[in-house]
PDB file of N, CA and C in Angstrom:
ATOM      1  N   MET A   1       4.449  12.610   2.257  1.00  0.00           N
ATOM      2  CA  MET A   1       3.402  11.352   2.056  1.00  0.00           C
ATOM      3  C   MET A   1       2.809  10.998   3.765  1.00  0.00           C
ATOM      4  N   ALA A   2       2.352  11.047   4.185  1.00  0.00           N
ATOM      5  CA  ALA A   2       1.828  10.219   5.157  1.00  0.00           C
ATOM      6  C   ALA A   2       0.452   8.853   5.260  1.00  0.00           C
ATOM      7  N   ILE A   3       0.898   8.260   6.153  1.00  0.00           N
ATOM      8  CA  ILE A   3       0.089   7.232   6.150  1.00  0.00           C
ATOM      9  C   ILE A   3      -0.676   7.362   7.802  1.00  0.00           C
ATOM     10  N   PRO A   4      -2.080   6.629   6.997  1.00  0.00           N
ATOM     11  CA  PRO A   4      -2.638   6.407   8.874  1.00  0.00           C
ATOM     12  C   PRO A   4      -1.478   6.089  10.157  1.00  0.00           C
ATOM     13  N   TYR A   5      -1.969   6.037  11.339  1.00  0.00           N
ATOM     14  CA  TYR A   5      -1.291   5.806  12.819  1.00  0.00           C
ATOM     15  C   TYR A   5      -2.849   5.136  13.598  1.00  0.00           C
ATOM     16  N   TYR A   6      -1.471   3.398  13.389  1.00  0.00           N
ATOM     17  CA  TYR A   6      -2.592   2.360  14.382  1.00  0.00           C
ATOM     18  C   TYR A   6      -1.531   2.391  15.574  1.00  0.00           C
ATOM     19  N   ASP A   7      -2.657   1.931  16.707  1.00  0.00           N
ATOM     20  CA  ASP A   7      -2.224   1.717  17.951  1.00  0.00           C
ATOM     21  C   ASP A   7      -2.827   0.378  17.999  1.00  0.00           C
ATOM     22  N   GLY A   8      -1.535  -0.544  17.634  1.00  0.00           N
ATOM     23  CA  GLY A   8      -1.415  -1.905  17.961  1.00  0.00           C
ATOM     24  C   GLY A   8      -3.203  -2.842  16.467  1.00  0.00           C
ATOM     25  N   HIS A   9      -4.303  -2.144  16.282  1.00  0.00           N
ATOM     26  CA  HIS A   9      -4.604  -2.610  15.759  1.00  0.00           C
ATOM     27  C   HIS A   9      -5.858  -1.777  15.280  1.00  0.00           C
ATOM     28  N   LEU A  10      -5.688  -1.117  16.246  1.00  0.00           N
ATOM     29  CA  LEU A  10      -6.849   0.361  15.909  1.00  0.00           C
ATOM     30  C   LEU A  10      -6.314   1.694  15.429  1.00  0.00           C
ATOM     31  N   MET A  11      -7.139   2.000  14.309  1.00  0.00           N
ATOM     32  CA  MET A  11      -6.636   3.832  13.912  1.00  0.00           C
ATOM     33  C   MET A  11      -7.006   4.489  14.652  1.00  0.00           C
ATOM     34  N   VAL A  12      -5.999   5.502  14.927  1.00  0.00           N
ATOM     35  CA  VAL A  12      -6.003   6.546  15.341  1.00  0.00           C
ATOM     36  C   VAL A  12      -6.597   8.160  14.429  1.00  0.00           C
ATOM     37  N   HIS A  13      -7.577   8.259  14.617  1.00  0.00           N
ATOM     38  CA  HIS A  13      -8.331   9.817  14.183  1.00  0.00           C
ATOM     39  C   HIS A  13      -7.112  10.599  14.128  1.00  0.00           C
ATOM     40  N   ASP A  14      -7.559  11.147  13.608  1.00  0.00           N
ATOM     41  CA  ASP A  14      -6.454  12.881  13.212  1.00  0.00           C
ATOM     42  C   ASP A  14      -5.363  12.600  13.363  1.00  0.00           C
ATOM     43  N   CYS A  15      -4.434  11.587  12.887  1.00  0.00           N
ATOM     44  CA  CYS A  15      -2.899  11.492  13.418  1.00  0.00           C
ATOM     45  C   CYS A  15      -2.550  10.367  12.226  1.00  0.00           C
ATOM     46  N   SER A  16      -1.332  11.453  11.959  1.00  0.00           N
ATOM     47  CA  SER A  16      -0.470  10.565  10.509  1.00  0.00           C
ATOM     48  C   SER A  16       0.851  10.555  11.311  1.00  0.00           C
ATOM     49  N   ILE A  17       1.263   9.314  10.279  1.00  0.00           N
ATOM     50  CA  ILE A  17       2.865   9.240  10.350  1.00  0.00           C
ATOM     51  C   ILE A  17       2.964   9.090   8.955  1.00  0.00           C
ATOM     52  N   PHE A  18       4.257  10.297   8.984  1.00  0.00           N
ATOM     53  CA  PHE A  18       5.168  11.005   8.002  1.00  0.00           C
ATOM     54  C   PHE A  18       5.851   9.423   7.149  1.00  0.00           C
ATOM     55  N   ASP A  19       5.874   9.270   5.749  1.00  0.00           N
ATOM     56  CA  ASP A  19       6.109   7.846   5.360  1.00  0.00           C
ATOM     57  C   ASP A  19       7.436   8.395   4.773  1.00  0.00           C
ATOM     58  N   LYS A  20       7.663   8.968   3.754  1.00  0.00           N
ATOM     59  CA  LYS A  20       8.363   9.426   2.667  1.00  0.00           C
ATOM     60  C   LYS A  20       8.363  10.839   2.010  1.00  0.00           C
ATOM     61  N   VAL A  21       9.236  11.713   1.839  1.00  0.00           N
ATOM     62  CA  VAL A  21       9.625  12.597   0.787  1.00  0.00           C
ATOM     63  C   VAL A  21       9.952  12.566  -0.265  1.00  0.00           C
ATOM     64  N   PHE A  22      10.019  13.832  -1.175  1.00  0.00           N
ATOM     65  CA  PHE A  22      10.252  13.800  -2.356  1.00  0.00           C
ATOM     66  C   PHE A  22      10.374  14.918  -2.472  1.00  0.00           C
ATOM     67  N   TRP A  23      11.883  15.889  -2.640  1.00  0.00           N
ATOM     68  CA  TRP A  23      12.564  16.916  -3.220  1.00  0.00           C
ATOM     69  C   TRP A  23      12.920  17.580  -4.234  1.00  0.00           C
ATOM     70  N   PHE A  24      12.169  18.401  -5.097  1.00  0.00           N
ATOM     71  CA  PHE A  24      12.764  19.097  -5.782  1.00  0.00           C
ATOM     72  C   PHE A  24      13.245  20.320  -6.309  1.00  0.00           C
ATOM     73  N   PHE A  25      13.883  20.980  -6.624  1.00  0.00           N
ATOM     74  CA  PHE A  25      14.179  22.301  -6.153  1.00  0.00           C
ATOM     75  C   PHE A  25      13.603  23.218  -7.913  1.00  0.00           C
ATOM     76  N   PRO A  26      13.152  23.902  -8.189  1.00  0.00           N
ATOM     77  CA  PRO A  26      13.322  24.777  -9.464  1.00  0.00           C
ATOM     78  C   PRO A  26      13.775  25.116  -9.967  1.00  0.00           C
ATOM     79  N   ALA A  27      15.231  25.843  -9.588  1.00  0.00           N
ATOM     80  CA  ALA A  27      16.197  26.570 -10.216  1.00  0.00           C
ATOM     81  C   ALA A  27      16.609  25.333 -10.617  1.00  0.00           C
ATOM     82  N   CYS A  28      16.884  24.122  -9.974  1.00  0.00           N
ATOM     83  CA  CYS A  28      17.685  22.822 -10.277  1.00  0.00           C
ATOM     84  C   CYS A  28      17.339  22.440 -11.236  1.00  0.00           C
ATOM     85  N   VAL A  29      15.860  22.573 -11.696  1.00  0.00           N
ATOM     86  CA  VAL A  29      15.259  21.391 -12.767  1.00  0.00           C
ATOM     87  C   VAL A  29      15.436  22.735 -13.793  1.00  0.00           C
ATOM     88  N   GLU A  30      15.104  23.443 -13.968  1.00  0.00           N
ATOM     89  CA  GLU A  30      15.839  24.549 -15.386  1.00  0.00           C
ATOM     90  C   GLU A  30      16.596  23.967 -15.861  1.00  0.00           C
ATOM     91  N   ALA A  31      18.172  23.765 -15.087  1.00  0.00           N
ATOM     92  CA  ALA A  31      19.509  23.908 -14.897  1.00  0.00           C
ATOM     93  C   ALA A  31      19.343  22.806 -15.851  1.00  0.00           C
ATOM     94  N   PHE A  32      18.639  21.641 -15.427  1.00  0.00           N
ATOM     95  CA  PHE A  32      18.732  20.514 -16.073  1.00  0.00           C
ATOM     96  C   PHE A  32      18.771  19.822 -17.218  1.00  0.00           C
ATOM     97  N   GLU A  33      17.579  21.157 -17.434  1.00  0.00           N
ATOM     98  CA  GLU A  33      17.286  21.122 -19.098  1.00  0.00           C
ATOM     99  C   GLU A  33      18.179  21.526 -19.987  1.00  0.00           C
ATOM    100  N   ASN A  34      19.428  21.490 -19.377  1.00  0.00           N
ATOM    101  CA  ASN A  34      20.822  22.024 -20.395  1.00  0.00           C
ATOM    102  C   ASN A  34      21.748  21.331 -20.069  1.00  0.00           C
ATOM    103  N   CYS A  35      21.583  20.261 -19.004  1.00  0.00           N
ATOM    104  CA  CYS A  35      22.515  18.895 -18.559  1.00  0.00           C
ATOM    105  C   CYS A  35      22.294  17.914 -20.017  1.00  0.00           C
ATOM    106  N   LYS A  36      23.598  16.755 -19.706  1.00  0.00           N
ATOM    107  CA  LYS A  36      23.589  15.771 -20.696  1.00  0.00           C
ATOM    108  C   LYS A  36      22.069  14.936 -20.438  1.00  0.00           C
ATOM    109  N   PRO A  37      21.445  14.199 -21.122  1.00  0.00           N
ATOM    110  CA  PRO A  37      20.474  13.218 -21.238  1.00  0.00           C
ATOM    111  C   PRO A  37      20.417  12.567 -20.496  1.00  0.00           C
ATOM    112  N   PHE A  38      20.599  12.431 -19.401  1.00  0.00           N
ATOM    113  CA  PHE A  38      21.052  11.427 -18.113  1.00  0.00           C
ATOM    114  C   PHE A  38      21.343  11.372 -16.672  1.00  0.00           C
ATOM    115  N   VAL A  39      20.555  10.796 -15.663  1.00  0.00           N
ATOM    116  CA  VAL A  39      20.235  10.833 -14.596  1.00  0.00           C
ATOM    117  C   VAL A  39      20.640   9.472 -13.545  1.00  0.00           C
ATOM    118  N   SER A  40      21.552  10.423 -12.718  1.00  0.00           N
ATOM    119  CA  SER A  40      22.306   8.800 -11.515  1.00  0.00           C
ATOM    120  C   SER A  40      21.527   9.285 -10.674  1.00  0.00           C
ATOM    121  N   VAL A  41      21.517   7.486 -10.009  1.00  0.00           N
ATOM    122  CA  VAL A  41      19.980   7.319  -8.709  1.00  0.00           C
ATOM    123  C   VAL A  41      21.778   6.807  -8.066  1.00  0.00           C
ATOM    124  N   ASP A  42      21.699   6.998  -6.809  1.00  0.00           N
ATOM    125  CA  ASP A  42      22.038   6.176  -6.057  1.00  0.00           C
ATOM    126  C   ASP A  42      21.654   5.614  -4.959  1.00  0.00           C
ATOM    127  N   ASP A  43      21.975   4.567  -4.267  1.00  0.00           N
ATOM    128  CA  ASP A  43      21.376   4.095  -3.242  1.00  0.00           C
ATOM    129  C   ASP A  43      21.092   4.656  -2.040  1.00  0.00           C
ATOM    130  N   THR A  44      20.595   5.950  -1.788  1.00  0.00           N
ATOM    131  CA  THR A  44      20.024   6.642  -1.137  1.00  0.00           C
ATOM    132  C   THR A  44      19.457   7.805  -1.607  1.00  0.00           C
ATOM    133  N   HIS A  45      18.260   7.438  -3.190  1.00  0.00           N
ATOM    134  CA  HIS A  45      17.464   8.290  -3.476  1.00  0.00           C
ATOM    135  C   HIS A  45      18.394   9.798  -3.866  1.00  0.00           C
ATOM    136  N   LEU A  46      19.530   9.826  -4.041  1.00  0.00           N
ATOM    137  CA  LEU A  46      20.035  10.904  -4.611  1.00  0.00           C
ATOM    138  C   LEU A  46      19.835  11.271  -6.027  1.00  0.00           C
ATOM    139  N   TYR A  47      19.675  11.900  -6.691  1.00  0.00           N
ATOM    140  CA  TYR A  47      18.734  12.170  -7.969  1.00  0.00           C
ATOM    141  C   TYR A  47      19.685  12.721  -8.630  1.00  0.00           C
ATOM    142  N   VAL A  48      21.114  13.162  -9.311  1.00  0.00           N
ATOM    143  CA  VAL A  48      21.714  14.385  -9.868  1.00  0.00           C
ATOM    144  C   VAL A  48      22.153  13.797 -11.258  1.00  0.00           C
ATOM    145  N   ALA A  49      22.859  14.624 -12.288  1.00  0.00           N
ATOM    146  CA  ALA A  49      22.824  15.053 -13.065  1.00  0.00           C
ATOM    147  C   ALA A  49      24.198  15.355 -14.223  1.00  0.00           C
ATOM    148  N   GLN A  50      25.111  15.620 -15.369  1.00  0.00           N
ATOM    149  CA  GLN A  50      26.123  16.494 -15.145  1.00  0.00           C
ATOM    150  C   GLN A  50      25.953  17.222 -16.296  1.00  0.00           C
ATOM    151  N   ASP A  51      26.527  18.453 -16.535  1.00  0.00           N
ATOM    152  CA  ASP A  51      26.142  19.663 -17.329  1.00  0.00           C
ATOM    153  C   ASP A  51      27.359  19.336 -18.670  1.00  0.00           C
ATOM    154  N   ASP A  52      27.586  19.856 -19.162  1.00  0.00           N
ATOM    155  CA  ASP A  52      28.826  19.724 -20.332  1.00  0.00           C
ATOM    156  C   ASP A  52      29.875  20.122 -19.814  1.00  0.00           C
ATOM    157  N   THR A  53      30.200  20.659 -19.000  1.00  0.00           N
ATOM    158  CA  THR A  53      31.439  20.848 -18.229  1.00  0.00           C
ATOM    159  C   THR A  53      32.363  20.016 -17.158  1.00  0.00           C
ATOM    160  N   ASN A  54      30.969  18.342 -17.085  1.00  0.00           N
ATOM    161  CA  ASN A  54      31.231  17.823 -15.623  1.00  0.00           C
ATOM    162  C   ASN A  54      30.623  18.373 -14.363  1.00  0.00           C
ATOM    163  N   ASN A  55      30.488  19.166 -14.066  1.00  0.00           N
ATOM    164  CA  ASN A  55      30.055  19.997 -13.225  1.00  0.00           C
ATOM    165  C   ASN A  55      28.850  18.431 -12.919  1.00  0.00           C
ATOM    166  N   ILE A  56      28.446  18.939 -11.772  1.00  0.00           N
ATOM    167  CA  ILE A  56      27.649  17.285 -10.874  1.00  0.00           C
ATOM    168  C   ILE A  56      26.630  18.852 -10.439  1.00  0.00           C
ATOM    169  N   LEU A  57      24.828  17.915 -10.704  1.00  0.00           N
ATOM    170  CA  LEU A  57      24.328  19.042 -10.216  1.00  0.00           C
ATOM    171  C   LEU A  57      22.946  18.424  -9.804  1.00  0.00           C
ATOM    172  N   LEU A  58      23.081  18.565  -8.096  1.00  0.00           N
ATOM    173  CA  LEU A  58      21.326  18.349  -7.609  1.00  0.00           C
ATOM    174  C   LEU A  58      20.419  18.385  -7.581  1.00  0.00           C
ATOM    175  N   VAL A  59      19.637  17.463  -8.371  1.00  0.00           N
ATOM    176  CA  VAL A  59      18.217  17.605  -8.710  1.00  0.00           C
ATOM    177  C   VAL A  59      17.462  17.384  -7.899  1.00  0.00           C
ATOM    178  N   THR A  60      17.569  16.659  -6.844  1.00  0.00           N
ATOM    179  CA  THR A  60      16.383  16.125  -6.234  1.00  0.00           C
ATOM    180  C   THR A  60      16.558  15.214  -5.359  1.00  0.00           C
ATOM    181  N   PHE A  61      16.309  15.408  -4.036  1.00  0.00           N
ATOM    182  CA  PHE A  61      16.774  13.736  -2.867  1.00  0.00           C
ATOM    183  C   PHE A  61      15.346  13.643  -2.264  1.00  0.00           C
ATOM    184  N   ALA A  62      15.429  12.535  -1.392  1.00  0.00           N
ATOM    185  CA  ALA A  62      14.287  11.373  -0.869  1.00  0.00           C
ATOM    186  C   ALA A  62      14.235  10.860   0.436  1.00  0.00           C
ATOM    187  N   ILE A  63      13.737  11.083   1.124  1.00  0.00           N
ATOM    188  CA  ILE A  63      13.728  10.408   2.104  1.00  0.00           C
ATOM    189  C   ILE A  63      12.805   9.274   2.308  1.00  0.00           C
ATOM    190  N   VAL A  64      13.199   7.835   2.944  1.00  0.00           N
ATOM    191  CA  VAL A  64      12.471   7.267   2.744  1.00  0.00           C
ATOM    192  C   VAL A  64      12.466   6.490   4.330  1.00  0.00           C
ATOM    193  N   GLU A  65      12.160   5.411   4.885  1.00  0.00           N
ATOM    194  CA  GLU A  65      12.421   4.716   6.044  1.00  0.00           C
ATOM    195  C   GLU A  65      12.556   3.292   5.416  1.00  0.00           C
ATOM    196  N   PHE A  66      12.860   2.878   4.502  1.00  0.00           N
ATOM    197  CA  PHE A  66      13.767   1.579   4.116  1.00  0.00           C
ATOM    198  C   PHE A  66      13.567   1.692   2.868  1.00  0.00           C
ATOM    199  N   GLU A  67      14.400   1.316   1.542  1.00  0.00           N
ATOM    200  CA  GLU A  67      14.720   0.554   0.443  1.00  0.00           C
ATOM    201  C   GLU A  67      13.730  -0.301  -0.050  1.00  0.00           C
ATOM    202  N   THR A  68      12.889  -0.094  -1.085  1.00  0.00           N
ATOM    203  CA  THR A  68      11.768  -1.257  -1.659  1.00  0.00           C
ATOM    204  C   THR A  68      11.865  -0.796  -3.158  1.00  0.00           C
ATOM    205  N   THR A  69      11.039  -1.964  -3.209  1.00  0.00           N
ATOM    206  CA  THR A  69      10.852  -1.782  -4.977  1.00  0.00           C
ATOM    207  C   THR A  69       9.392  -0.501  -4.737  1.00  0.00           C
ATOM    208  N   GLU A  70       8.690  -0.354  -3.749  1.00  0.00           N
ATOM    209  CA  GLU A  70       7.594   0.422  -3.690  1.00  0.00           C
ATOM    210  C   GLU A  70       8.505   2.417  -3.810  1.00  0.00           C
ATOM    211  N   SER A  71       8.870   1.936  -3.054  1.00  0.00           N
ATOM    212  CA  SER A  71       9.917   3.279  -2.578  1.00  0.00           C
ATOM    213  C   SER A  71      10.685   3.873  -3.597  1.00  0.00           C
ATOM    214  N   CYS A  72      11.051   2.523  -4.324  1.00  0.00           N
ATOM    215  CA  CYS A  72      12.239   3.288  -5.726  1.00  0.00           C
ATOM    216  C   CYS A  72      10.948   3.801  -6.794  1.00  0.00           C
ATOM    217  N   SER A  73       9.864   2.879  -7.368  1.00  0.00           N
ATOM    218  CA  SER A  73       9.399   3.044  -7.673  1.00  0.00           C
ATOM    219  C   SER A  73       8.130   4.619  -7.681  1.00  0.00           C
ATOM    220  N   PHE A  74       8.167   5.155  -6.636  1.00  0.00           N
ATOM    221  CA  PHE A  74       7.685   6.570  -5.541  1.00  0.00           C
ATOM    222  C   PHE A  74       8.186   7.553  -6.344  1.00  0.00           C
ATOM    223  N   PHE A  75       9.618   7.293  -6.116  1.00  0.00           N
ATOM    224  CA  PHE A  75      10.876   8.545  -6.265  1.00  0.00           C
ATOM    225  C   PHE A  75      11.018   8.529  -7.594  1.00  0.00           C
ATOM    226  N   LEU A  76      11.292   7.374  -8.678  1.00  0.00           N
ATOM    227  CA  LEU A  76      11.578   7.256 -10.360  1.00  0.00           C
ATOM    228  C   LEU A  76      10.317   8.038 -10.800  1.00  0.00           C
ATOM    229  N   THR A  77       8.894   7.906 -10.076  1.00  0.00           N
ATOM    230  CA  THR A  77       7.799   7.835 -10.743  1.00  0.00           C
ATOM    231  C   THR A  77       7.637   9.831 -10.841  1.00  0.00           C
ATOM    232  N   ASN A  78       7.282  10.318  -9.446  1.00  0.00           N
ATOM    233  CA  ASN A  78       7.927  11.681  -9.516  1.00  0.00           C
ATOM    234  C   ASN A  78       9.575  11.693  -9.337  1.00  0.00           C
ATOM    235  N   LEU A  79       9.924  11.533 -10.081  1.00  0.00           N
ATOM    236  CA  LEU A  79      11.317  12.246 -11.256  1.00  0.00           C
ATOM    237  C   LEU A  79      11.410  12.628 -11.852  1.00  0.00           C
ATOM    238  N   ARG A  80      10.961  11.548 -13.161  1.00  0.00           N
ATOM    239  CA  ARG A  80      10.176  11.810 -14.112  1.00  0.00           C
ATOM    240  C   ARG A  80       8.940  12.564 -14.494  1.00  0.00           C
ATOM    241  N   ARG A  81       7.955  12.936 -13.642  1.00  0.00           N
ATOM    242  CA  ARG A  81       7.016  13.694 -13.239  1.00  0.00           C
ATOM    243  C   ARG A  81       7.407  15.288 -13.540  1.00  0.00           C
ATOM    244  N   HIS A  82       8.113  15.550 -12.063  1.00  0.00           N
ATOM    245  CA  HIS A  82       8.498  17.158 -12.003  1.00  0.00           C
ATOM    246  C   HIS A  82      10.318  17.238 -12.687  1.00  0.00           C
ATOM    247  N   VAL A  83      10.920  16.795 -13.021  1.00  0.00           N
ATOM    248  CA  VAL A  83      12.414  16.635 -13.166  1.00  0.00           C
ATOM    249  C   VAL A  83      12.460  16.689 -14.913  1.00  0.00           C
ATOM    250  N   THR A  84      12.307  15.053 -14.887  1.00  0.00           N
ATOM    251  CA  THR A  84      12.739  14.642 -16.262  1.00  0.00           C
ATOM    252  C   THR A  84      11.615  14.360 -17.640  1.00  0.00           C
ATOM    253  N   SER A  85      10.900  15.804 -17.817  1.00  0.00           N
ATOM    254  CA  SER A  85       9.979  16.136 -18.255  1.00  0.00           C
ATOM    255  C   SER A  85      10.354  15.575 -20.280  1.00  0.00           C
ATOM    256  N   GLN A  86      12.055  15.713 -20.476  1.00  0.00           N
ATOM    257  CA  GLN A  86      12.863  16.248 -21.492  1.00  0.00           C
ATOM    258  C   GLN A  86      11.963  14.337 -22.406  1.00  0.00           C
ATOM    259  N   GLU A  87      12.473  14.474 -23.829  1.00  0.00           N
ATOM    260  CA  GLU A  87      12.019  13.897 -24.597  1.00  0.00           C
ATOM    261  C   GLU A  87      13.378  12.521 -24.902  1.00  0.00           C
ATOM    262  N   GLY A  88      13.500  11.068 -24.873  1.00  0.00           N
ATOM    263  CA  GLY A  88      14.840  10.248 -24.971  1.00  0.00           C
ATOM    264  C   GLY A  88      15.556  10.117 -23.529  1.00  0.00           C
ATOM    265  N   LEU A  89      14.805  10.395 -22.156  1.00  0.00           N
ATOM    266  CA  LEU A  89      15.136  10.488 -20.824  1.00  0.00           C
ATOM    267  C   LEU A  89      14.526   8.736 -20.574  1.00  0.00           C
ATOM    268  N   PHE A  90      15.121   7.895 -19.838  1.00  0.00           N
ATOM    269  CA  PHE A  90      15.059   6.868 -19.403  1.00  0.00           C
ATOM    270  C   PHE A  90      14.347   5.725 -20.113  1.00  0.00           C
TER     271      PHE A  90
END
């Protein structure tokens, strides 16, 4: 996600600033369907799941400037949209 770039109070056209990013891996999403219906979220926006043999699976991760309610909401929304479409989660 990119946001407009400002020089003081003036917006600079044709220039954006990287704001935050959400990564998910199709192979991990597919493997997640066989995991326990639980997702662990740590303080650095790293989302992991656990399979039946208690192995940990990295599902997705994200990069943000600051941890805020907005950034957490952004990532949980994307986690739900792209990874955890199974019933019974959240």
